[in-house]
Amino acid sequence: MDFMQLMVDAHKSAEVDDDDDKDGVEETKVHGTKRPLTRDDIVANGFLFFLAGYETTATTMAFALYNLALNQEAQDKARQEINKVMEDRDLVDYEAVNMMPYLD
């Protein structure tokens, strides 16, 4: 089960717990006790995971492209391998990527 599903499940169990407490009295929050995730907690964590994943991917791609720009020989070898594999293909798929050991 992924982390997002765990957060959604925690939120659902919080709604059930809130329905049980219908007397309108708010509980005093004690440090160290469990409290359910709010909708804002779930949205914030989801946004953070999206942003963190995007940032690392963008940084890795920028680093790889920068190194290819600095090293013309490596760039030429990568281009030759890509052109060779993609010669008879229209789309890049998993199989095509696996046929490119230099890019691995």
Protein backbone atom coordinates (compact mmCIF):
# COMPACT_ATOMS: atom_id res chain seq x y z
CA MET A 1 0.00 0.00 0.00
CA ASP A 2 1.38 3.42 -0.88
CA PHE A 3 1.72 6.35 1.46
CA MET A 4 -1.07 8.38 -0.14
CA GLN A 5 -3.53 5.54 0.44
CA LEU A 6 -2.45 5.34 4.09
CA MET A 7 -3.15 9.05 4.50
CA VAL A 8 -6.59 8.73 2.90
CA ASP A 9 -7.41 5.76 5.15
CA ALA A 10 -6.29 7.73 8.20
CA HIS A 11 -8.54 10.59 7.15
CA LYS A 12 -11.51 8.24 6.72
CA SER A 13 -10.98 6.74 10.17
CA ALA A 14 -10.87 10.29 11.56
CA GLU A 15 -14.30 11.00 10.06
CA VAL A 16 -15.70 7.91 11.77
CA ASP A 17 -14.17 8.99 15.09
CA ASP A 18 -15.63 12.50 14.68
CA ASP A 19 -19.11 11.05 14.16
CA ASP A 20 -18.83 9.14 17.45
CA ASP A 21 -18.18 12.39 19.36
CA LYS A 22 -21.46 14.25 18.80
CA ASP A 23 -21.66 16.13 22.09
CA GLY A 24 -19.88 19.12 20.52
CA VAL A 25 -17.15 19.23 23.15
CA GLU A 26 -13.69 19.55 21.70
CA GLU A 27 -11.04 17.22 23.09
CA THR A 28 -7.99 18.72 24.74
CA LYS A 29 -4.96 17.83 22.68
CA VAL A 30 -2.30 16.14 24.74
CA HIS A 31 1.29 16.05 23.52
CA GLY A 32 2.32 12.57 22.43
CA THR A 33 -1.10 11.20 21.58
CA LYS A 34 -2.21 10.15 18.13
CA ARG A 35 -4.39 12.50 16.23
CA PRO A 36 -5.86 11.76 12.80
CA LEU A 37 -4.69 13.48 9.65
CA THR A 38 -6.78 16.39 8.47
CA ARG A 39 -7.65 17.02 4.87
CA ASP A 40 -5.08 19.83 4.85
CA ASP A 41 -2.40 17.39 6.10
CA ILE A 42 -3.17 15.00 3.25
CA VAL A 43 -3.16 17.75 0.60
CA ALA A 44 0.08 19.25 1.95
CA ASN A 45 1.86 15.87 1.99
CA GLY A 46 0.63 15.03 -1.51
CA PHE A 47 1.86 18.37 -2.81
CA LEU A 48 5.20 17.89 -1.07
CA PHE A 49 5.68 14.43 -2.61
CA PHE A 50 4.79 15.78 -6.05
CA LEU A 51 7.15 18.73 -5.71
CA ALA A 52 9.99 16.64 -4.26
CA GLY A 53 9.68 14.08 -7.06
CA TYR A 54 9.60 16.80 -9.70
CA GLU A 55 12.60 18.60 -8.23
CA THR A 56 14.83 15.53 -8.09
CA THR A 57 13.87 14.50 -11.62
CA ALA A 58 14.49 17.99 -12.99
CA THR A 59 17.84 18.26 -11.21
CA THR A 60 18.98 14.85 -12.49
CA MET A 61 17.99 15.68 -16.07
CA ALA A 62 19.72 19.06 -15.91
CA PHE A 63 22.89 17.45 -14.55
CA ALA A 64 22.89 14.75 -17.25
CA LEU A 65 22.30 17.25 -20.06
CA TYR A 66 24.97 19.57 -18.70
CA ASN A 67 27.50 16.72 -18.65
CA LEU A 68 26.55 15.69 -22.18
CA ALA A 69 27.02 19.29 -23.31
CA LEU A 70 30.50 19.35 -21.79
CA ASN A 71 31.53 15.98 -23.21
CA GLN A 72 31.02 15.95 -26.98
CA GLU A 73 32.31 12.38 -27.38
CA ALA A 74 29.76 11.00 -24.89
CA GLN A 75 27.03 13.05 -26.56
CA ASP A 76 27.89 11.63 -29.98
CA LYS A 77 27.94 8.07 -28.66
CA ALA A 78 24.55 8.55 -26.96
CA ARG A 79 23.06 10.05 -30.15
CA GLN A 80 24.36 7.17 -32.28
CA GLU A 81 22.86 4.62 -29.91
CA ILE A 82 19.50 6.42 -29.81
CA ASN A 83 19.36 6.79 -33.59
CA LYS A 84 20.26 3.12 -34.07
CA VAL A 85 17.56 1.83 -31.68
CA MET A 86 14.89 4.30 -32.83
CA GLU A 87 15.54 3.71 -36.53
CA ASP A 88 12.44 1.52 -37.01
CA ARG A 89 10.33 2.87 -34.14
CA ASP A 90 7.99 5.82 -33.81
CA LEU A 91 7.66 5.88 -30.03
CA VAL A 92 10.10 5.33 -27.20
CA ASP A 93 8.93 2.43 -25.07
CA TYR A 94 10.36 0.32 -22.27
CA GLU A 95 11.84 -2.22 -24.68
CA ALA A 96 13.60 0.48 -26.70
CA VAL A 97 15.14 2.01 -23.57
CA ASN A 98 16.39 -1.42 -22.48
CA MET A 99 18.17 -1.74 -25.83
CA MET A 100 20.29 1.34 -25.00
CA PRO A 101 23.00 0.14 -22.59
CA TYR A 102 25.13 3.28 -22.96
CA LEU A 103 22.31 5.45 -21.64
CA ASP A 104 21.87 3.15 -18.67
